[in-house]
Amino acid sequence: MKDIDIFEEIVRVRKSGIPAALATIVDTKGSTPGKVQARMIVKLDGTFIGTVGGGCVEAEVWQAAKDVILTDKARTVSFLLNDENIESGLICGGKVKILIEPLTKPSLFIFGAGHVGFCLYKIAKMIDFNVFIVDDRKQFANKSRFLEADGIFVENFETIFDKLPINANSYLVVVTRGHKFDETALLGCCRTKAKYIGMIGSRKKIRTIFTELREKGISQEVLDRVHAPIGLDIGSQSVEEIAISIGAELIKIRREFFVRNKNEKES
């Protein structure tokens, strides 16, 4: 497979949010079956595209790549190709170093660029999320305020969803400035395939919004997926503490996914 196909697949994988890792040969010494910059994409389901040399090297890289996906941490592996590799036919006498890195990073979409949204944005960047800001107020949702945001969308909550790159590895947080906007944003969120949906608010407000969304055709099964009230219960009161509680819940959901898949792999 040509390199251009690998690059096209990288774009497709990132766009879809498919859990995957990219293995790249970064150094070789002596005679090796794979050359520097040879690449292989390994997906969580075990399928792969490309090659880093074949034989026992590829088999071990495939296993290491799945660990990288499940731990969400890059690693470098090295192989000494000598007589010990005779059963695989890799008697090359060389050494190869391969970088394996996660291909997909989770994306957080924050609906509401107010105080809670701003604090959550800062926390989410620290815990390695791509962060997108969504609001209909340019004076709040702008690059000077959200300098490190990966994207800023300024538009009505009713019409913006077709323009948002939401996929199965996306986390959606609704923290707008009021009941009406929360309901509109949550309605759009419930029509996506996002991994996580959460909304801020009192239990009374949540019950009211859920009733209104059911009347608009959102099923109870979908509403049961919504984390509301949002965040882990840590007794938070201030804006900063609320943002921390939401960030903690994002970490919990993210790590539960990796632990669950790792346990399934080992069972």
Protein backbone atom coordinates (compact mmCIF):
# COMPACT_ATOMS: atom_id res chain seq x y z
CA MET A 1 0.00 0.00 0.00
CA LYS A 2 1.35 3.40 -0.95
CA ASP A 3 2.07 6.06 1.64
CA ILE A 4 -0.68 8.28 0.25
CA ASP A 5 -3.20 5.59 1.18
CA ILE A 6 -1.84 5.55 4.73
CA PHE A 7 -2.21 9.32 5.00
CA GLU A 8 -5.75 9.20 3.65
CA GLU A 9 -6.60 6.51 6.20
CA ILE A 10 -5.11 8.61 9.01
CA VAL A 11 -7.46 11.45 8.08
CA ARG A 12 -10.42 9.07 7.87
CA VAL A 13 -9.63 7.44 11.22
CA ARG A 14 -9.25 10.79 12.97
CA LYS A 15 -12.45 12.11 11.43
CA SER A 16 -14.44 9.05 12.48
CA GLY A 17 -12.87 8.76 15.94
CA ILE A 18 -11.99 5.08 15.44
CA PRO A 19 -9.55 3.98 18.22
CA ALA A 20 -6.27 3.35 16.41
CA ALA A 21 -2.50 3.74 16.63
CA LEU A 22 0.17 4.63 14.09
CA ALA A 23 3.46 2.68 14.05
CA THR A 24 6.36 4.39 12.26
CA ILE A 25 9.92 3.14 11.79
CA VAL A 26 12.06 6.00 13.08
CA ASP A 27 15.53 4.42 12.99
CA THR A 28 17.32 1.39 11.54
CA LYS A 29 20.84 0.00 11.77
CA GLY A 30 22.23 -2.69 9.55
CA SER A 31 20.02 -4.86 7.36
CA THR A 32 16.29 -4.66 8.19
CA PRO A 33 13.13 -5.64 6.28
CA GLY A 34 11.48 -2.27 6.91
CA LYS A 35 12.84 1.14 6.04
CA VAL A 36 12.72 4.44 7.95
CA GLN A 37 9.29 6.13 7.72
CA ALA A 38 7.51 2.88 6.86
CA ARG A 39 4.11 3.06 8.55
CA MET A 40 1.33 0.82 9.77
CA ILE A 41 -2.06 1.74 11.23
CA VAL A 42 -3.48 -0.68 13.79
CA LYS A 43 -7.12 -0.41 14.87
CA LEU A 44 -8.58 -1.62 18.15
CA ASP A 45 -10.51 -4.36 16.37
CA GLY A 46 -7.21 -5.87 15.21
CA THR A 47 -7.32 -4.82 11.57
CA PHE A 48 -4.33 -2.97 10.15
CA ILE A 49 -3.15 -1.12 7.08
CA GLY A 50 0.43 -0.75 5.87
CA THR A 51 3.56 -2.57 7.01
CA VAL A 52 6.68 -2.07 9.11
CA GLY A 53 8.53 -5.12 7.82
CA GLY A 54 6.39 -8.19 8.41
CA GLY A 55 7.25 -11.32 10.37
CA CYS A 56 7.72 -11.35 14.13
CA VAL A 57 8.38 -7.59 14.18
CA GLU A 58 4.96 -6.81 12.77
CA ALA A 59 3.25 -9.26 15.12
CA GLU A 60 4.84 -7.65 18.18
CA VAL A 61 4.16 -4.14 16.89
CA TRP A 62 0.52 -5.11 16.35
CA GLN A 63 0.28 -6.19 20.01
CA ALA A 64 2.13 -3.13 21.29
CA ALA A 65 -0.10 -0.87 19.19
CA LYS A 66 -3.22 -2.28 20.84
CA ASP A 67 -1.67 -1.51 24.25
CA VAL A 68 -0.96 2.04 23.09
CA ILE A 69 -4.61 2.43 22.07
CA LEU A 70 -5.84 1.13 25.42
CA THR A 71 -3.45 3.21 27.54
CA ASP A 72 -3.66 6.28 25.28
CA LYS A 73 0.12 6.70 25.63
CA ALA A 74 2.80 6.64 22.93
CA ARG A 75 5.79 4.32 23.25
CA THR A 76 8.90 3.29 21.35
CA VAL A 77 9.85 -0.34 20.74
CA SER A 78 13.14 -1.71 19.43
CA PHE A 79 13.97 -5.04 17.80
CA LEU A 80 17.33 -6.74 17.31
CA LEU A 81 17.05 -8.95 14.24
CA ASN A 82 19.47 -11.83 14.68
CA ASP A 83 19.51 -15.64 14.82
CA GLU A 84 16.77 -15.62 17.45
CA ASN A 85 14.37 -14.57 14.68
CA ILE A 86 15.19 -17.59 12.50
CA GLU A 87 11.70 -19.12 12.78
CA SER A 88 10.22 -16.02 11.24
CA GLY A 89 12.84 -15.83 8.53
CA LEU A 90 14.16 -12.48 9.75
CA ILE A 91 17.89 -13.13 9.80
CA CYS A 92 18.85 -9.58 8.90
CA GLY A 93 21.44 -8.73 11.51
CA GLY A 94 20.03 -5.25 11.98
CA LYS A 95 18.18 -3.20 14.53
CA VAL A 96 14.92 -1.30 14.10
CA LYS A 97 13.24 1.29 16.31
CA ILE A 98 9.52 1.95 15.94
CA LEU A 99 7.43 4.78 17.39
CA ILE A 100 3.83 3.82 18.17
CA GLU A 101 1.43 6.65 18.96
CA PRO A 102 -2.34 7.02 19.42
CA LEU A 103 -4.02 8.32 16.30
CA THR A 104 -7.21 9.60 17.82
CA LYS A 105 -7.57 12.07 20.65
CA PRO A 106 -10.99 12.70 22.19
CA SER A 107 -12.69 15.95 21.32
CA LEU A 108 -14.65 18.04 23.81
CA PHE A 109 -17.39 20.34 22.51
CA ILE A 110 -18.37 22.97 25.06
CA PHE A 111 -21.75 24.53 24.36
CA GLY A 112 -21.57 27.83 26.19
CA ALA A 113 -18.59 30.18 26.35
CA GLY A 114 -19.38 31.66 29.74
CA HIS A 115 -17.53 31.28 33.03
CA VAL A 116 -18.00 27.53 33.48
CA GLY A 117 -17.21 26.88 29.82
CA PHE A 118 -14.02 28.93 30.06
CA CYS A 119 -12.77 27.15 33.18
CA LEU A 120 -13.63 23.74 31.70
CA TYR A 121 -11.76 24.64 28.50
CA LYS A 122 -8.57 25.28 30.49
CA ILE A 123 -8.91 22.00 32.40
CA ALA A 124 -9.71 20.01 29.25
CA LYS A 125 -6.56 21.26 27.51
CA MET A 126 -4.49 20.17 30.51
CA ILE A 127 -5.95 16.65 30.38
CA ASP A 128 -5.25 16.34 26.65
CA PHE A 129 -8.58 16.86 24.93
CA ASN A 130 -9.12 18.65 21.65
CA VAL A 131 -11.48 21.46 22.66
CA PHE A 132 -14.13 23.14 20.52
CA ILE A 133 -16.15 26.12 21.73
CA VAL A 134 -19.74 26.63 20.56
CA ASP A 135 -21.74 29.78 21.32
CA ASP A 136 -23.83 32.37 19.51
CA ARG A 137 -22.01 35.33 21.08
CA LYS A 138 -18.85 36.46 19.34
CA GLN A 139 -17.87 38.66 22.28
CA PHE A 140 -17.50 35.47 24.35
CA ALA A 141 -16.53 32.83 21.76
CA ASN A 142 -13.41 34.25 20.16
CA LYS A 143 -9.75 33.37 19.67
CA SER A 144 -8.43 36.05 22.00
CA ARG A 145 -10.39 34.49 24.88
CA PHE A 146 -9.95 30.83 23.92
CA LEU A 147 -6.42 31.08 22.57
CA GLU A 148 -5.69 27.32 22.57
CA ALA A 149 -9.09 26.13 21.37
CA ASP A 150 -8.95 23.71 18.45
CA GLY A 151 -12.02 25.31 16.94
CA ILE A 152 -14.55 28.06 17.70
CA PHE A 153 -18.05 28.04 16.25
CA VAL A 154 -20.19 31.15 16.56
CA GLU A 155 -23.74 30.42 15.47
CA ASN A 156 -27.25 29.71 16.72
CA PHE A 157 -27.43 26.41 18.64
CA GLU A 158 -30.32 25.29 16.42
CA THR A 159 -28.35 25.44 13.18
CA ILE A 160 -24.75 24.68 14.17
CA PHE A 161 -24.76 20.91 14.55
CA ASP A 162 -24.33 20.06 10.86
CA LYS A 163 -21.07 22.00 10.93
CA LEU A 164 -19.55 20.37 14.02
CA PRO A 165 -17.05 17.48 13.53
CA ILE A 166 -18.72 15.31 16.19
CA ASN A 167 -17.93 11.59 16.08
CA ALA A 168 -18.01 8.51 18.31
CA ASN A 169 -14.98 9.78 20.25
CA SER A 170 -16.57 13.14 21.09
CA TYR A 171 -17.66 14.50 24.48
CA LEU A 172 -20.42 17.11 24.54
CA VAL A 173 -20.96 19.44 27.49
CA VAL A 174 -23.93 21.82 27.67
CA VAL A 175 -23.25 24.83 29.92
CA THR A 176 -25.07 27.66 28.17
CA ARG A 177 -26.48 30.81 29.73
CA GLY A 178 -30.04 29.66 30.26
CA HIS A 179 -32.81 27.05 30.17
CA LYS A 180 -33.86 27.82 26.58
CA PHE A 181 -30.35 27.54 25.18
CA ASP A 182 -29.57 24.43 27.24
CA GLU A 183 -32.64 22.69 25.83
CA THR A 184 -31.81 23.66 22.25
CA ALA A 185 -28.19 22.55 22.58
CA LEU A 186 -29.11 19.30 24.32
CA LEU A 187 -31.66 18.48 21.63
CA GLY A 188 -28.90 18.68 19.03
CA CYS A 189 -26.51 16.69 21.21
CA CYS A 190 -29.04 13.89 21.64
CA ARG A 191 -29.17 13.45 17.87
CA THR A 192 -25.45 12.68 17.65
CA LYS A 193 -23.45 9.48 18.26
CA ALA A 194 -21.15 11.17 20.80
CA LYS A 195 -19.56 9.03 23.48
CA TYR A 196 -20.54 11.42 26.27
CA ILE A 197 -23.29 14.02 26.70
CA GLY A 198 -23.62 16.10 29.85
CA MET A 199 -25.72 19.11 30.89
CA ILE A 200 -25.43 21.45 33.84
CA GLY A 201 -28.47 22.41 35.90
CA SER A 202 -30.68 21.70 38.87
CA ARG A 203 -32.68 18.46 39.02
CA LYS A 204 -35.89 20.45 38.53
CA LYS A 205 -34.57 22.10 35.38
CA ILE A 206 -33.29 18.77 34.07
CA ARG A 207 -36.67 17.09 34.60
CA THR A 208 -38.40 19.94 32.76
CA ILE A 209 -36.00 19.84 29.81
CA PHE A 210 -36.15 16.04 29.58
CA THR A 211 -39.97 16.22 29.45
CA GLU A 212 -39.81 18.79 26.67
CA LEU A 213 -37.29 16.72 24.71
CA ARG A 214 -39.44 13.60 24.97
CA GLU A 215 -42.29 15.63 23.49
CA LYS A 216 -39.95 16.50 20.62
CA GLY A 217 -39.25 12.85 19.88
CA ILE A 218 -36.10 12.11 21.90
CA SER A 219 -36.42 8.61 23.37
CA GLN A 220 -35.95 7.81 27.04
CA GLU A 221 -33.11 5.47 26.05
CA VAL A 222 -31.20 8.40 24.60
CA LEU A 223 -31.98 10.65 27.58
CA ASP A 224 -30.69 7.94 29.92
CA ARG A 225 -27.26 8.47 28.33
CA VAL A 226 -27.18 12.12 29.34
CA HIS A 227 -25.12 12.89 32.44
CA ALA A 228 -27.29 15.37 34.31
CA PRO A 229 -26.59 16.88 36.71
CA ILE A 230 -23.19 16.93 35.08
CA GLY A 231 -19.91 16.16 36.84
CA LEU A 232 -18.81 13.95 39.70
CA ASP A 233 -20.40 14.73 43.05
CA ILE A 234 -17.54 16.39 44.94
CA GLY A 235 -19.63 19.05 46.66
CA SER A 236 -18.53 21.70 44.16
CA GLN A 237 -19.88 25.23 44.61
CA SER A 238 -17.68 27.74 42.78
CA VAL A 239 -17.37 27.98 39.00
CA GLU A 240 -13.88 26.54 39.17
CA GLU A 241 -14.98 23.61 41.33
CA ILE A 242 -17.87 22.85 38.97
CA ALA A 243 -15.45 22.79 36.04
CA ILE A 244 -13.15 20.45 37.96
CA SER A 245 -16.05 18.09 38.72
CA ILE A 246 -16.95 17.98 35.02
CA GLY A 247 -13.31 17.40 34.06
CA ALA A 248 -13.13 14.54 36.55
CA GLU A 249 -16.19 12.92 35.00
CA LEU A 250 -14.66 13.24 31.53
CA ILE A 251 -11.54 11.45 32.79
CA LYS A 252 -13.66 8.74 34.40
CA ILE A 253 -15.62 8.06 31.20
CA ARG A 254 -12.47 8.14 29.08
CA ARG A 255 -10.57 5.70 31.28
CA GLU A 256 -13.53 3.37 31.72
CA PHE A 257 -13.51 2.88 27.96
CA PHE A 258 -9.85 1.91 27.91
CA VAL A 259 -10.09 -0.33 31.00
CA ARG A 260 -13.17 -2.10 29.64
CA ASN A 261 -11.52 -2.83 26.30
CA LYS A 262 -8.29 -3.91 27.98
CA ASN A 263 -10.16 -6.36 30.20
CA GLU A 264 -12.00 -7.73 27.18
CA LYS A 265 -8.69 -8.17 25.38
CA GLU A 266 -7.12 -10.04 28.30
CA SER A 267 -10.13 -12.29 29.05
